[in-house]
Amino acid sequence: MARPLIGVSTYLESGARWGVWELEAALLPAGYPRLVQAAGGLAAMLPPDGPEHAAATVARLDGLVIAGGPDVEPVRYGAERAPRTGPPARARDDWELALIDAALAAGVPLLGICRGMQLLNVALGGTLTQHVDGHVEAVGVFGRHPVKPVPGTLYASAVPEESSVPTYHHQAVDRLGTGLVASAYAADGTVEALELPAAVGWVLGVQWHPEMGEDLRVMRALVRAAS
């Protein structure tokens, strides 16, 4: 059986350096394609493009991952920017929201990771809490904490037991978007996974960073759905 093609969103950064070069680059931490490959998929990196090209891009894919990254601009969910919220990444918001809309419309299996989960929630009309404590170990350092699945959910079918996950975030889901259900929680009540009902398709978001760990089960579930 052919390995499914899984697209992963990337982002533009200025001042990237390698060898003698310092240029703008489309970046993605290597953990993302490695996770896709280890789970049995082919990884395709999706550089930012105009939102009008999202549907054509998604049409070539078997599955889609929206990667982690900077804070979602609060105006996207009708809020004013709080002091601890990072600077906007408007072009990235535009592109990734368009990718999410296209995947939902086409029924392409979709996994949102960290920011990707938050953006999925915003795309469906939900809101975010702009700062929570206790989910970052130190600046630039991933921590770990346990998450508990909600029985009967898509996430629980992949990871049925409480598990320790790599985490690095300071924002979280507040009001759930239309149709979404919470499928895992942290001990402090933070929504750690959300999803659409299985009848809608394979749509899951996780607040942690599976690409920074060794547990392949979430990505394997996406790859199976994309197959």
N, C-alpha and C. Protein backbone atom coordinates (compact mmCIF):
# COMPACT_ATOMS: atom_id res chain seq x y z
N MET A 1 0.84 -1.19 0.00
CA MET A 1 0.00 0.00 0.00
C MET A 1 0.89 1.25 0.00
N ALA A 2 0.54 2.22 -0.82
CA ALA A 2 1.31 3.46 -0.89
C ALA A 2 1.21 4.22 0.43
N ARG A 3 2.31 4.82 0.82
CA ARG A 3 2.31 5.63 2.04
C ARG A 3 1.56 6.92 1.77
N PRO A 4 0.64 7.33 2.65
CA PRO A 4 -0.14 8.54 2.41
C PRO A 4 0.73 9.78 2.51
N LEU A 5 0.39 10.79 1.73
CA LEU A 5 1.12 12.06 1.71
C LEU A 5 0.51 13.00 2.75
N ILE A 6 1.31 13.36 3.74
CA ILE A 6 0.87 14.21 4.84
C ILE A 6 1.56 15.57 4.72
N GLY A 7 0.80 16.61 4.48
CA GLY A 7 1.36 17.95 4.41
C GLY A 7 1.46 18.56 5.80
N VAL A 8 2.56 19.27 6.05
CA VAL A 8 2.78 19.94 7.33
C VAL A 8 3.05 21.42 7.06
N SER A 9 2.30 22.30 7.69
CA SER A 9 2.49 23.73 7.46
C SER A 9 3.84 24.19 7.98
N THR A 10 4.47 25.13 7.28
CA THR A 10 5.73 25.72 7.70
C THR A 10 5.54 27.22 7.83
N TYR A 11 6.61 27.91 8.19
CA TYR A 11 6.51 29.36 8.39
C TYR A 11 7.78 30.04 7.91
N LEU A 12 7.65 31.31 7.54
CA LEU A 12 8.79 32.08 7.06
C LEU A 12 9.48 32.78 8.22
N GLU A 13 10.81 32.70 8.22
CA GLU A 13 11.62 33.40 9.22
C GLU A 13 12.75 34.12 8.50
N SER A 14 12.99 35.37 8.88
CA SER A 14 14.11 36.11 8.32
C SER A 14 15.36 35.83 9.14
N GLY A 15 16.52 35.96 8.51
CA GLY A 15 17.77 35.80 9.23
C GLY A 15 18.15 34.38 9.55
N ALA A 16 17.56 33.40 8.87
CA ALA A 16 17.99 32.02 9.07
C ALA A 16 19.41 31.86 8.55
N ARG A 17 20.24 31.10 9.26
CA ARG A 17 21.66 30.99 8.91
C ARG A 17 22.07 29.53 8.69
N TRP A 18 22.79 29.28 7.59
CA TRP A 18 23.42 27.99 7.36
C TRP A 18 24.60 28.24 6.42
N GLY A 19 25.72 27.62 6.73
CA GLY A 19 26.93 27.84 5.93
C GLY A 19 27.29 29.32 5.90
N VAL A 20 27.46 29.84 4.70
CA VAL A 20 27.79 31.26 4.53
C VAL A 20 26.55 32.12 4.35
N TRP A 21 25.36 31.52 4.43
CA TRP A 21 24.13 32.22 4.06
C TRP A 21 23.36 32.69 5.28
N GLU A 22 22.72 33.83 5.12
CA GLU A 22 21.75 34.34 6.08
C GLU A 22 20.60 34.92 5.27
N LEU A 23 19.52 34.15 5.17
CA LEU A 23 18.42 34.47 4.26
C LEU A 23 17.08 34.18 4.91
N GLU A 24 16.01 34.68 4.31
CA GLU A 24 14.67 34.27 4.71
C GLU A 24 14.49 32.80 4.33
N ALA A 25 13.84 32.05 5.20
CA ALA A 25 13.68 30.61 4.95
C ALA A 25 12.30 30.16 5.40
N ALA A 26 11.79 29.14 4.71
CA ALA A 26 10.58 28.46 5.16
C ALA A 26 11.02 27.35 6.10
N LEU A 27 10.63 27.46 7.37
CA LEU A 27 11.17 26.60 8.42
C LEU A 27 10.13 25.65 9.00
N LEU A 28 10.63 24.52 9.46
CA LEU A 28 9.82 23.56 10.20
C LEU A 28 10.77 22.73 11.04
N PRO A 29 10.57 22.66 12.37
CA PRO A 29 11.43 21.78 13.16
C PRO A 29 11.41 20.36 12.61
N ALA A 30 12.58 19.74 12.57
CA ALA A 30 12.72 18.44 11.92
C ALA A 30 11.90 17.35 12.59
N GLY A 31 11.49 17.58 13.85
CA GLY A 31 10.67 16.58 14.54
C GLY A 31 9.36 16.29 13.83
N TYR A 32 8.81 17.28 13.13
CA TYR A 32 7.52 17.06 12.46
C TYR A 32 7.63 16.07 11.30
N PRO A 33 8.49 16.32 10.30
CA PRO A 33 8.58 15.30 9.24
C PRO A 33 9.08 13.96 9.74
N ARG A 34 9.97 13.96 10.73
CA ARG A 34 10.43 12.68 11.27
C ARG A 34 9.28 11.90 11.89
N LEU A 35 8.38 12.59 12.59
CA LEU A 35 7.24 11.93 13.20
C LEU A 35 6.32 11.35 12.14
N VAL A 36 6.04 12.12 11.09
CA VAL A 36 5.21 11.63 9.99
C VAL A 36 5.83 10.38 9.38
N GLN A 37 7.13 10.44 9.11
CA GLN A 37 7.82 9.31 8.48
C GLN A 37 7.82 8.09 9.39
N ALA A 38 8.10 8.29 10.67
CA ALA A 38 8.13 7.17 11.61
C ALA A 38 6.77 6.51 11.75
N ALA A 39 5.70 7.30 11.54
CA ALA A 39 4.34 6.78 11.65
C ALA A 39 3.84 6.15 10.36
N GLY A 40 4.67 6.16 9.32
CA GLY A 40 4.30 5.48 8.09
C GLY A 40 3.82 6.36 6.96
N GLY A 41 3.97 7.68 7.10
CA GLY A 41 3.54 8.59 6.06
C GLY A 41 4.70 9.20 5.29
N LEU A 42 4.38 9.83 4.17
CA LEU A 42 5.31 10.67 3.43
C LEU A 42 5.07 12.11 3.86
N ALA A 43 6.13 12.83 4.19
CA ALA A 43 5.99 14.19 4.70
C ALA A 43 6.23 15.20 3.59
N ALA A 44 5.32 16.16 3.47
CA ALA A 44 5.46 17.27 2.53
C ALA A 44 5.38 18.57 3.30
N MET A 45 6.41 19.40 3.20
CA MET A 45 6.42 20.68 3.89
C MET A 45 5.69 21.72 3.05
N LEU A 46 4.75 22.42 3.67
CA LEU A 46 3.90 23.37 2.95
C LEU A 46 4.31 24.80 3.31
N PRO A 47 5.07 25.48 2.47
CA PRO A 47 5.43 26.86 2.77
C PRO A 47 4.22 27.78 2.64
N PRO A 48 4.22 28.90 3.34
CA PRO A 48 3.08 29.84 3.26
C PRO A 48 2.81 30.25 1.82
N ASP A 49 1.53 30.37 1.51
CA ASP A 49 1.07 30.76 0.17
C ASP A 49 -0.17 31.62 0.36
N GLY A 50 -0.70 32.12 -0.72
CA GLY A 50 -1.94 32.89 -0.63
C GLY A 50 -3.09 32.00 -0.23
N PRO A 51 -4.00 32.49 0.63
CA PRO A 51 -5.14 31.67 1.06
C PRO A 51 -5.95 31.12 -0.10
N GLU A 52 -5.94 31.82 -1.23
CA GLU A 52 -6.72 31.35 -2.37
C GLU A 52 -6.18 30.06 -2.95
N HIS A 53 -4.97 29.67 -2.56
CA HIS A 53 -4.37 28.43 -3.06
C HIS A 53 -4.51 27.26 -2.08
N ALA A 54 -5.18 27.49 -0.98
CA ALA A 54 -5.27 26.45 0.05
C ALA A 54 -6.04 25.23 -0.44
N ALA A 55 -7.16 25.44 -1.10
CA ALA A 55 -7.98 24.30 -1.54
C ALA A 55 -7.22 23.43 -2.54
N ALA A 56 -6.49 24.06 -3.46
CA ALA A 56 -5.72 23.30 -4.44
C ALA A 56 -4.59 22.54 -3.76
N THR A 57 -3.99 23.13 -2.73
CA THR A 57 -2.93 22.46 -2.00
C THR A 57 -3.47 21.24 -1.26
N VAL A 58 -4.55 21.42 -0.54
CA VAL A 58 -5.12 20.32 0.23
C VAL A 58 -5.62 19.20 -0.68
N ALA A 59 -6.06 19.54 -1.87
CA ALA A 59 -6.56 18.52 -2.80
C ALA A 59 -5.47 17.52 -3.19
N ARG A 60 -4.20 17.91 -3.07
CA ARG A 60 -3.10 17.01 -3.41
C ARG A 60 -2.67 16.12 -2.24
N LEU A 61 -3.24 16.37 -1.05
CA LEU A 61 -2.79 15.69 0.16
C LEU A 61 -3.75 14.58 0.58
N ASP A 62 -3.20 13.62 1.34
CA ASP A 62 -4.03 12.61 1.99
C ASP A 62 -4.34 12.97 3.43
N GLY A 63 -3.51 13.83 4.03
CA GLY A 63 -3.70 14.28 5.40
C GLY A 63 -2.97 15.59 5.60
N LEU A 64 -3.36 16.33 6.64
CA LEU A 64 -2.80 17.66 6.89
C LEU A 64 -2.47 17.82 8.36
N VAL A 65 -1.29 18.39 8.64
CA VAL A 65 -0.89 18.76 9.99
C VAL A 65 -0.66 20.26 10.02
N ILE A 66 -1.30 20.93 10.97
CA ILE A 66 -1.02 22.35 11.23
C ILE A 66 -0.07 22.39 12.42
N ALA A 67 1.14 22.90 12.18
CA ALA A 67 2.21 22.82 13.16
C ALA A 67 2.08 23.88 14.25
N GLY A 68 2.86 23.70 15.30
CA GLY A 68 2.92 24.67 16.38
C GLY A 68 3.65 25.94 15.96
N GLY A 69 3.58 26.95 16.83
CA GLY A 69 4.23 28.21 16.50
C GLY A 69 3.72 29.35 17.34
N PRO A 70 3.72 30.57 16.80
CA PRO A 70 3.39 31.76 17.59
C PRO A 70 1.91 31.86 17.93
N ASP A 71 1.62 32.81 18.81
CA ASP A 71 0.24 33.03 19.25
C ASP A 71 -0.66 33.44 18.08
N VAL A 72 -1.90 32.97 18.11
CA VAL A 72 -2.91 33.41 17.15
C VAL A 72 -3.31 34.84 17.48
N GLU A 73 -3.41 35.69 16.47
CA GLU A 73 -3.78 37.08 16.73
C GLU A 73 -5.17 37.15 17.36
N PRO A 74 -5.32 37.80 18.51
CA PRO A 74 -6.61 37.79 19.22
C PRO A 74 -7.79 38.35 18.43
N VAL A 75 -7.53 39.24 17.49
CA VAL A 75 -8.64 39.78 16.70
C VAL A 75 -9.36 38.67 15.96
N ARG A 76 -8.68 37.55 15.73
CA ARG A 76 -9.30 36.42 15.01
C ARG A 76 -10.46 35.83 15.80
N TYR A 77 -10.43 36.01 17.13
CA TYR A 77 -11.54 35.50 17.94
C TYR A 77 -12.20 36.61 18.76
N GLY A 78 -12.10 37.84 18.24
CA GLY A 78 -12.87 38.94 18.80
C GLY A 78 -12.37 39.46 20.12
N ALA A 79 -11.06 39.34 20.38
CA ALA A 79 -10.50 39.80 21.64
C ALA A 79 -9.41 40.84 21.40
N GLU A 80 -9.14 41.63 22.43
CA GLU A 80 -8.02 42.56 22.39
C GLU A 80 -6.76 41.84 22.85
N ARG A 81 -5.62 42.30 22.36
CA ARG A 81 -4.35 41.67 22.70
C ARG A 81 -4.01 41.91 24.16
N ALA A 82 -3.71 40.82 24.88
CA ALA A 82 -3.29 40.91 26.27
C ALA A 82 -1.78 41.18 26.32
N PRO A 83 -1.28 41.70 27.45
CA PRO A 83 0.15 42.07 27.53
C PRO A 83 1.11 40.94 27.22
N ARG A 84 0.78 39.70 27.59
CA ARG A 84 1.72 38.59 27.39
C ARG A 84 1.56 37.89 26.04
N THR A 85 0.61 38.32 25.24
CA THR A 85 0.41 37.71 23.93
C THR A 85 1.49 38.19 22.97
N GLY A 86 2.02 37.27 22.18
CA GLY A 86 3.11 37.59 21.27
C GLY A 86 2.65 38.41 20.08
N PRO A 87 3.62 38.89 19.29
CA PRO A 87 3.29 39.70 18.11
C PRO A 87 2.51 38.89 17.08
N PRO A 88 1.70 39.57 16.27
CA PRO A 88 0.88 38.84 15.30
C PRO A 88 1.72 38.21 14.19
N ALA A 89 1.19 37.11 13.67
CA ALA A 89 1.77 36.45 12.49
C ALA A 89 0.64 36.36 11.47
N ARG A 90 0.27 37.50 10.91
CA ARG A 90 -0.98 37.60 10.14
C ARG A 90 -0.97 36.74 8.88
N ALA A 91 0.15 36.75 8.15
CA ALA A 91 0.20 35.95 6.93
C ALA A 91 0.07 34.46 7.25
N ARG A 92 0.70 34.05 8.34
CA ARG A 92 0.60 32.65 8.73
C ARG A 92 -0.82 32.31 9.18
N ASP A 93 -1.43 33.18 9.97
CA ASP A 93 -2.82 32.96 10.37
C ASP A 93 -3.71 32.80 9.14
N ASP A 94 -3.55 33.71 8.16
CA ASP A 94 -4.38 33.65 6.94
C ASP A 94 -4.22 32.30 6.23
N TRP A 95 -2.96 31.90 6.04
CA TRP A 95 -2.66 30.68 5.29
C TRP A 95 -3.17 29.44 6.01
N GLU A 96 -2.88 29.34 7.30
CA GLU A 96 -3.25 28.12 8.02
C GLU A 96 -4.75 28.04 8.27
N LEU A 97 -5.42 29.16 8.49
CA LEU A 97 -6.88 29.13 8.59
C LEU A 97 -7.50 28.67 7.28
N ALA A 98 -6.93 29.12 6.16
CA ALA A 98 -7.44 28.69 4.85
C ALA A 98 -7.19 27.20 4.64
N LEU A 99 -6.02 26.68 5.09
CA LEU A 99 -5.76 25.25 4.99
C LEU A 99 -6.77 24.46 5.82
N ILE A 100 -7.04 24.92 7.03
CA ILE A 100 -8.01 24.23 7.89
C ILE A 100 -9.38 24.22 7.24
N ASP A 101 -9.83 25.37 6.74
CA ASP A 101 -11.14 25.44 6.08
C ASP A 101 -11.20 24.48 4.90
N ALA A 102 -10.11 24.43 4.12
CA ALA A 102 -10.10 23.56 2.94
C ALA A 102 -10.13 22.09 3.34
N ALA A 103 -9.39 21.72 4.38
CA ALA A 103 -9.38 20.33 4.83
C ALA A 103 -10.75 19.92 5.36
N LEU A 104 -11.39 20.79 6.13
CA LEU A 104 -12.72 20.48 6.65
C LEU A 104 -13.73 20.33 5.51
N ALA A 105 -13.63 21.20 4.52
CA ALA A 105 -14.57 21.15 3.39
C ALA A 105 -14.38 19.89 2.55
N ALA A 106 -13.13 19.45 2.43
CA ALA A 106 -12.83 18.31 1.57
C ALA A 106 -12.83 16.98 2.31
N GLY A 107 -12.96 17.02 3.63
CA GLY A 107 -12.92 15.78 4.40
C GLY A 107 -11.54 15.16 4.50
N VAL A 108 -10.50 15.98 4.38
CA VAL A 108 -9.13 15.49 4.49
C VAL A 108 -8.77 15.38 5.97
N PRO A 109 -8.26 14.24 6.44
CA PRO A 109 -7.89 14.09 7.85
C PRO A 109 -6.95 15.21 8.30
N LEU A 110 -7.22 15.75 9.48
CA LEU A 110 -6.54 16.96 9.95
C LEU A 110 -6.10 16.79 11.39
N LEU A 111 -4.82 17.11 11.64
CA LEU A 111 -4.27 17.11 12.99
C LEU A 111 -3.68 18.49 13.26
N GLY A 112 -4.15 19.15 14.31
CA GLY A 112 -3.57 20.41 14.75
C GLY A 112 -2.70 20.18 15.98
N ILE A 113 -1.49 20.72 15.96
CA ILE A 113 -0.55 20.56 17.07
C ILE A 113 -0.29 21.91 17.71
N CYS A 114 -0.55 22.00 19.01
CA CYS A 114 -0.33 23.21 19.82
C CYS A 114 -1.05 24.41 19.17
N ARG A 115 -0.33 25.34 18.58
CA ARG A 115 -0.98 26.45 17.88
C ARG A 115 -2.01 25.92 16.87
N GLY A 116 -1.68 24.79 16.23
CA GLY A 116 -2.60 24.22 15.25
C GLY A 116 -3.93 23.84 15.86
N MET A 117 -3.92 23.32 17.10
CA MET A 117 -5.16 23.02 17.80
C MET A 117 -5.91 24.29 18.12
N GLN A 118 -5.18 25.30 18.60
CA GLN A 118 -5.82 26.57 18.93
C GLN A 118 -6.44 27.22 17.69
N LEU A 119 -5.72 27.13 16.57
CA LEU A 119 -6.23 27.72 15.34
C LEU A 119 -7.46 26.98 14.83
N LEU A 120 -7.48 25.66 14.99
CA LEU A 120 -8.67 24.88 14.64
C LEU A 120 -9.86 25.35 15.46
N ASN A 121 -9.65 25.57 16.74
CA ASN A 121 -10.74 26.05 17.59
C ASN A 121 -11.23 27.42 17.13
N VAL A 122 -10.30 28.32 16.80
CA VAL A 122 -10.67 29.66 16.34
C VAL A 122 -11.39 29.58 14.99
N ALA A 123 -10.93 28.70 14.10
CA ALA A 123 -11.55 28.56 12.78
C ALA A 123 -13.03 28.19 12.90
N LEU A 124 -13.38 27.47 13.97
CA LEU A 124 -14.77 27.05 14.16
C LEU A 124 -15.51 27.93 15.17
N GLY A 125 -14.99 29.13 15.39
CA GLY A 125 -15.72 30.12 16.19
C GLY A 125 -15.40 30.10 17.66
N GLY A 126 -14.39 29.34 18.09
CA GLY A 126 -14.03 29.29 19.50
C GLY A 126 -13.10 30.42 19.90
N THR A 127 -12.78 30.48 21.18
CA THR A 127 -11.91 31.53 21.71
C THR A 127 -10.75 30.89 22.48
N LEU A 128 -9.77 31.74 22.81
CA LEU A 128 -8.58 31.29 23.53
C LEU A 128 -8.40 32.09 24.81
N THR A 129 -7.80 31.45 25.80
CA THR A 129 -7.28 32.12 26.98
C THR A 129 -5.85 32.55 26.64
N GLN A 130 -5.56 33.84 26.81
CA GLN A 130 -4.29 34.36 26.29
C GLN A 130 -3.08 34.09 27.18
N HIS A 131 -3.29 33.64 28.41
CA HIS A 131 -2.13 33.22 29.20
C HIS A 131 -2.56 32.26 30.30
N VAL A 132 -1.86 31.15 30.37
CA VAL A 132 -1.99 30.21 31.49
C VAL A 132 -0.59 29.92 32.02
N ASP A 133 -0.47 29.68 33.30
CA ASP A 133 0.81 29.33 33.91
C ASP A 133 0.94 27.82 34.04
N GLY A 134 2.17 27.37 34.14
CA GLY A 134 2.42 25.97 34.47
C GLY A 134 2.59 25.03 33.31
N HIS A 135 2.57 25.54 32.07
CA HIS A 135 2.69 24.66 30.91
C HIS A 135 3.97 24.91 30.12
N VAL A 136 4.88 25.72 30.68
CA VAL A 136 6.21 25.95 30.12
C VAL A 136 7.21 25.72 31.24
N GLU A 137 8.17 24.82 31.03
CA GLU A 137 9.16 24.56 32.08
C GLU A 137 10.12 25.72 32.23
N ALA A 138 10.65 26.21 31.10
CA ALA A 138 11.53 27.37 31.05
C ALA A 138 11.56 27.83 29.60
N VAL A 139 12.02 29.05 29.36
CA VAL A 139 12.07 29.57 28.00
C VAL A 139 12.94 28.66 27.14
N GLY A 140 12.35 28.16 26.05
CA GLY A 140 13.08 27.29 25.15
C GLY A 140 13.28 25.87 25.64
N VAL A 141 12.55 25.48 26.69
CA VAL A 141 12.69 24.14 27.25
C VAL A 141 11.32 23.46 27.30
N PHE A 142 11.19 22.31 26.67
CA PHE A 142 9.94 21.55 26.74
C PHE A 142 9.85 20.84 28.09
N GLY A 143 8.68 20.94 28.71
CA GLY A 143 8.41 20.18 29.92
C GLY A 143 7.56 18.97 29.60
N ARG A 144 7.07 18.32 30.64
CA ARG A 144 6.16 17.18 30.47
C ARG A 144 5.10 17.25 31.55
N HIS A 145 3.91 16.82 31.23
CA HIS A 145 2.87 16.63 32.23
C HIS A 145 1.86 15.61 31.73
N PRO A 146 1.08 15.03 32.62
CA PRO A 146 0.12 14.01 32.18
C PRO A 146 -1.14 14.63 31.58
N VAL A 147 -1.71 13.94 30.61
CA VAL A 147 -3.03 14.30 30.08
C VAL A 147 -3.92 13.07 30.17
N LYS A 148 -5.18 13.32 30.44
CA LYS A 148 -6.14 12.23 30.64
C LYS A 148 -7.18 12.25 29.54
N PRO A 149 -7.33 11.16 28.78
CA PRO A 149 -8.31 11.13 27.70
C PRO A 149 -9.74 11.05 28.20
N VAL A 150 -10.65 11.52 27.39
CA VAL A 150 -12.08 11.38 27.66
C VAL A 150 -12.55 10.10 26.98
N PRO A 151 -13.09 9.14 27.74
CA PRO A 151 -13.50 7.86 27.14
C PRO A 151 -14.50 8.06 26.00
N GLY A 152 -14.35 7.23 24.98
CA GLY A 152 -15.28 7.25 23.86
C GLY A 152 -14.94 8.23 22.77
N THR A 153 -13.83 8.96 22.92
CA THR A 153 -13.46 9.96 21.92
C THR A 153 -12.47 9.38 20.91
N LEU A 154 -12.29 10.12 19.84
CA LEU A 154 -11.31 9.75 18.82
C LEU A 154 -9.91 9.65 19.43
N TYR A 155 -9.58 10.64 20.26
CA TYR A 155 -8.26 10.61 20.89
C TYR A 155 -8.11 9.39 21.78
N ALA A 156 -9.12 9.08 22.57
CA ALA A 156 -9.05 7.93 23.48
C ALA A 156 -8.93 6.63 22.71
N SER A 157 -9.45 6.57 21.49
CA SER A 157 -9.30 5.35 20.70
C SER A 157 -7.84 5.13 20.28
N ALA A 158 -7.07 6.22 20.20
CA ALA A 158 -5.65 6.11 19.86
C ALA A 158 -4.78 5.94 21.10
N VAL A 159 -5.12 6.70 22.16
CA VAL A 159 -4.34 6.68 23.41
C VAL A 159 -5.34 6.52 24.56
N PRO A 160 -5.67 5.30 24.95
CA PRO A 160 -6.76 5.09 25.90
C PRO A 160 -6.42 5.40 27.35
N GLU A 161 -5.13 5.49 27.68
CA GLU A 161 -4.75 5.68 29.08
C GLU A 161 -4.17 7.08 29.29
N GLU A 162 -4.10 7.51 30.54
CA GLU A 162 -3.40 8.75 30.87
C GLU A 162 -1.94 8.61 30.47
N SER A 163 -1.38 9.66 29.88
CA SER A 163 -0.01 9.57 29.42
C SER A 163 0.71 10.89 29.65
N SER A 164 2.02 10.82 29.74
CA SER A 164 2.86 12.00 29.90
C SER A 164 3.27 12.52 28.53
N VAL A 165 3.12 13.83 28.31
CA VAL A 165 3.34 14.39 26.98
C VAL A 165 4.31 15.58 27.05
N PRO A 166 5.04 15.84 25.96
CA PRO A 166 5.92 17.01 25.90
C PRO A 166 5.08 18.28 25.69
N THR A 167 5.32 19.30 26.49
CA THR A 167 4.46 20.48 26.44
C THR A 167 5.28 21.77 26.47
N TYR A 168 4.77 22.77 25.71
CA TYR A 168 5.37 24.11 25.73
C TYR A 168 4.33 25.07 25.14
N HIS A 169 3.55 25.67 26.01
CA HIS A 169 2.55 26.65 25.54
C HIS A 169 2.13 27.53 26.71
N HIS A 170 1.67 28.73 26.38
CA HIS A 170 1.17 29.62 27.43
C HIS A 170 -0.25 30.09 27.14
N GLN A 171 -0.80 29.65 26.01
CA GLN A 171 -2.20 29.94 25.70
C GLN A 171 -2.96 28.63 25.63
N ALA A 172 -4.28 28.73 25.72
CA ALA A 172 -5.10 27.51 25.78
C ALA A 172 -6.49 27.80 25.24
N VAL A 173 -7.21 26.73 24.97
CA VAL A 173 -8.59 26.85 24.50
C VAL A 173 -9.48 27.34 25.64
N ASP A 174 -10.34 28.29 25.32
CA ASP A 174 -11.34 28.78 26.27
C ASP A 174 -12.70 28.22 25.85
N ARG A 175 -13.47 28.95 25.07
CA ARG A 175 -14.76 28.44 24.59
C ARG A 175 -14.53 27.58 23.35
N LEU A 176 -15.11 26.40 23.36
CA LEU A 176 -14.94 25.49 22.23
C LEU A 176 -15.67 26.00 21.00
N GLY A 177 -15.07 25.79 19.84
CA GLY A 177 -15.70 26.14 18.58
C GLY A 177 -16.88 25.23 18.26
N THR A 178 -17.67 25.63 17.29
CA THR A 178 -18.89 24.92 16.93
C THR A 178 -18.59 23.47 16.54
N GLY A 179 -19.25 22.54 17.22
CA GLY A 179 -19.13 21.12 16.92
C GLY A 179 -17.98 20.43 17.60
N LEU A 180 -17.03 21.17 18.14
CA LEU A 180 -15.86 20.55 18.77
C LEU A 180 -16.20 20.03 20.16
N VAL A 181 -15.54 18.94 20.53
CA VAL A 181 -15.66 18.39 21.88
C VAL A 181 -14.27 18.21 22.45
N ALA A 182 -14.13 18.42 23.76
CA ALA A 182 -12.86 18.19 24.42
C ALA A 182 -12.64 16.69 24.58
N SER A 183 -11.41 16.23 24.27
CA SER A 183 -11.15 14.79 24.34
C SER A 183 -9.97 14.43 25.23
N ALA A 184 -9.34 15.43 25.86
CA ALA A 184 -8.32 15.16 26.88
C ALA A 184 -8.12 16.42 27.70
N TYR A 185 -7.74 16.24 28.97
CA TYR A 185 -7.54 17.36 29.89
C TYR A 185 -6.23 17.18 30.65
N ALA A 186 -5.63 18.30 31.02
CA ALA A 186 -4.54 18.31 31.99
C ALA A 186 -5.14 18.31 33.39
N ALA A 187 -4.28 18.09 34.40
CA ALA A 187 -4.76 18.04 35.78
C ALA A 187 -5.38 19.35 36.22
N ASP A 188 -4.95 20.48 35.64
CA ASP A 188 -5.51 21.79 36.03
C ASP A 188 -6.77 22.14 35.27
N GLY A 189 -7.29 21.22 34.45
CA GLY A 189 -8.51 21.46 33.71
C GLY A 189 -8.31 22.02 32.32
N THR A 190 -7.08 22.32 31.93
CA THR A 190 -6.81 22.82 30.59
C THR A 190 -7.20 21.77 29.55
N VAL A 191 -7.91 22.21 28.51
CA VAL A 191 -8.24 21.30 27.40
C VAL A 191 -6.95 20.95 26.67
N GLU A 192 -6.61 19.68 26.63
CA GLU A 192 -5.37 19.23 26.00
C GLU A 192 -5.60 18.57 24.65
N ALA A 193 -6.82 18.20 24.34
CA ALA A 193 -7.15 17.69 23.01
C ALA A 193 -8.60 18.02 22.73
N LEU A 194 -8.89 18.27 21.47
CA LEU A 194 -10.28 18.48 21.04
C LEU A 194 -10.45 17.86 19.67
N GLU A 195 -11.70 17.64 19.31
CA GLU A 195 -11.97 16.94 18.05
C GLU A 195 -13.39 17.20 17.59
N LEU A 196 -13.63 16.88 16.33
CA LEU A 196 -14.98 16.82 15.80
C LEU A 196 -15.49 15.39 15.89
N PRO A 197 -16.79 15.20 16.02
CA PRO A 197 -17.33 13.83 16.08
C PRO A 197 -16.91 13.02 14.87
N ALA A 198 -16.74 11.72 15.06
CA ALA A 198 -16.24 10.84 14.00
C ALA A 198 -17.10 10.91 12.75
N ALA A 199 -18.39 11.18 12.90
CA ALA A 199 -19.28 11.24 11.74
C ALA A 199 -18.90 12.37 10.79
N VAL A 200 -18.20 13.39 11.31
CA VAL A 200 -17.79 14.52 10.49
C VAL A 200 -16.53 14.20 9.71
N GLY A 201 -15.70 13.32 10.23
CA GLY A 201 -14.42 12.99 9.62
C GLY A 201 -13.36 12.87 10.70
N TRP A 202 -12.09 12.71 10.29
CA TRP A 202 -10.99 12.58 11.24
C TRP A 202 -10.38 13.95 11.46
N VAL A 203 -10.76 14.60 12.57
CA VAL A 203 -10.30 15.96 12.88
C VAL A 203 -9.94 15.99 14.36
N LEU A 204 -8.66 16.21 14.65
CA LEU A 204 -8.16 16.16 16.03
C LEU A 204 -7.14 17.26 16.24
N GLY A 205 -7.19 17.88 17.42
CA GLY A 205 -6.15 18.81 17.83
C GLY A 205 -5.59 18.41 19.17
N VAL A 206 -4.26 18.51 19.32
CA VAL A 206 -3.61 18.22 20.60
C VAL A 206 -2.79 19.44 21.01
N GLN A 207 -2.83 19.77 22.29
CA GLN A 207 -2.16 20.97 22.77
C GLN A 207 -0.66 20.76 22.97
N TRP A 208 -0.23 19.52 23.08
CA TRP A 208 1.18 19.25 23.32
C TRP A 208 1.92 19.04 22.00
N HIS A 209 3.20 18.61 22.11
CA HIS A 209 4.07 18.50 20.94
C HIS A 209 4.52 17.05 20.75
N PRO A 210 3.73 16.23 20.08
CA PRO A 210 4.13 14.83 19.88
C PRO A 210 5.43 14.69 19.09
N GLU A 211 5.77 15.70 18.29
CA GLU A 211 7.02 15.64 17.52
C GLU A 211 8.27 15.72 18.41
N MET A 212 8.07 16.09 19.69
CA MET A 212 9.19 16.17 20.63
C MET A 212 9.26 14.95 21.54
N GLY A 213 8.45 13.95 21.27
CA GLY A 213 8.44 12.75 22.09
C GLY A 213 8.61 11.50 21.23
N GLU A 214 8.39 10.36 21.83
CA GLU A 214 8.57 9.08 21.15
C GLU A 214 7.27 8.33 20.91
N ASP A 215 6.16 8.87 21.39
CA ASP A 215 4.86 8.21 21.24
C ASP A 215 4.31 8.51 19.85
N LEU A 216 4.18 7.49 19.03
CA LEU A 216 3.73 7.66 17.64
C LEU A 216 2.23 7.52 17.47
N ARG A 217 1.49 7.25 18.53
CA ARG A 217 0.11 6.79 18.35
C ARG A 217 -0.81 7.84 17.73
N VAL A 218 -0.66 9.09 18.11
CA VAL A 218 -1.53 10.12 17.52
C VAL A 218 -1.24 10.26 16.02
N MET A 219 0.04 10.33 15.66
CA MET A 219 0.37 10.47 14.24
C MET A 219 0.01 9.21 13.46
N ARG A 220 0.20 8.05 14.08
CA ARG A 220 -0.21 6.82 13.40
C ARG A 220 -1.71 6.80 13.12
N ALA A 221 -2.48 7.35 14.04
CA ALA A 221 -3.93 7.42 13.83
C ALA A 221 -4.26 8.32 12.64
N LEU A 222 -3.55 9.45 12.52
CA LEU A 222 -3.74 10.31 11.35
C LEU A 222 -3.36 9.59 10.07
N VAL A 223 -2.22 8.92 10.09
CA VAL A 223 -1.74 8.22 8.89
C VAL A 223 -2.73 7.12 8.47
N ARG A 224 -3.27 6.40 9.46
CA ARG A 224 -4.28 5.38 9.13
C ARG A 224 -5.51 6.01 8.50
N ALA A 225 -5.95 7.11 9.05
CA ALA A 225 -7.12 7.80 8.48
C ALA A 225 -6.83 8.30 7.08
N ALA A 226 -5.60 8.78 6.86
CA ALA A 226 -5.22 9.30 5.55
C ALA A 226 -5.02 8.20 4.52
N SER A 227 -4.89 6.95 5.00
CA SER A 227 -4.69 5.83 4.08
C SER A 227 -6.00 5.34 3.50
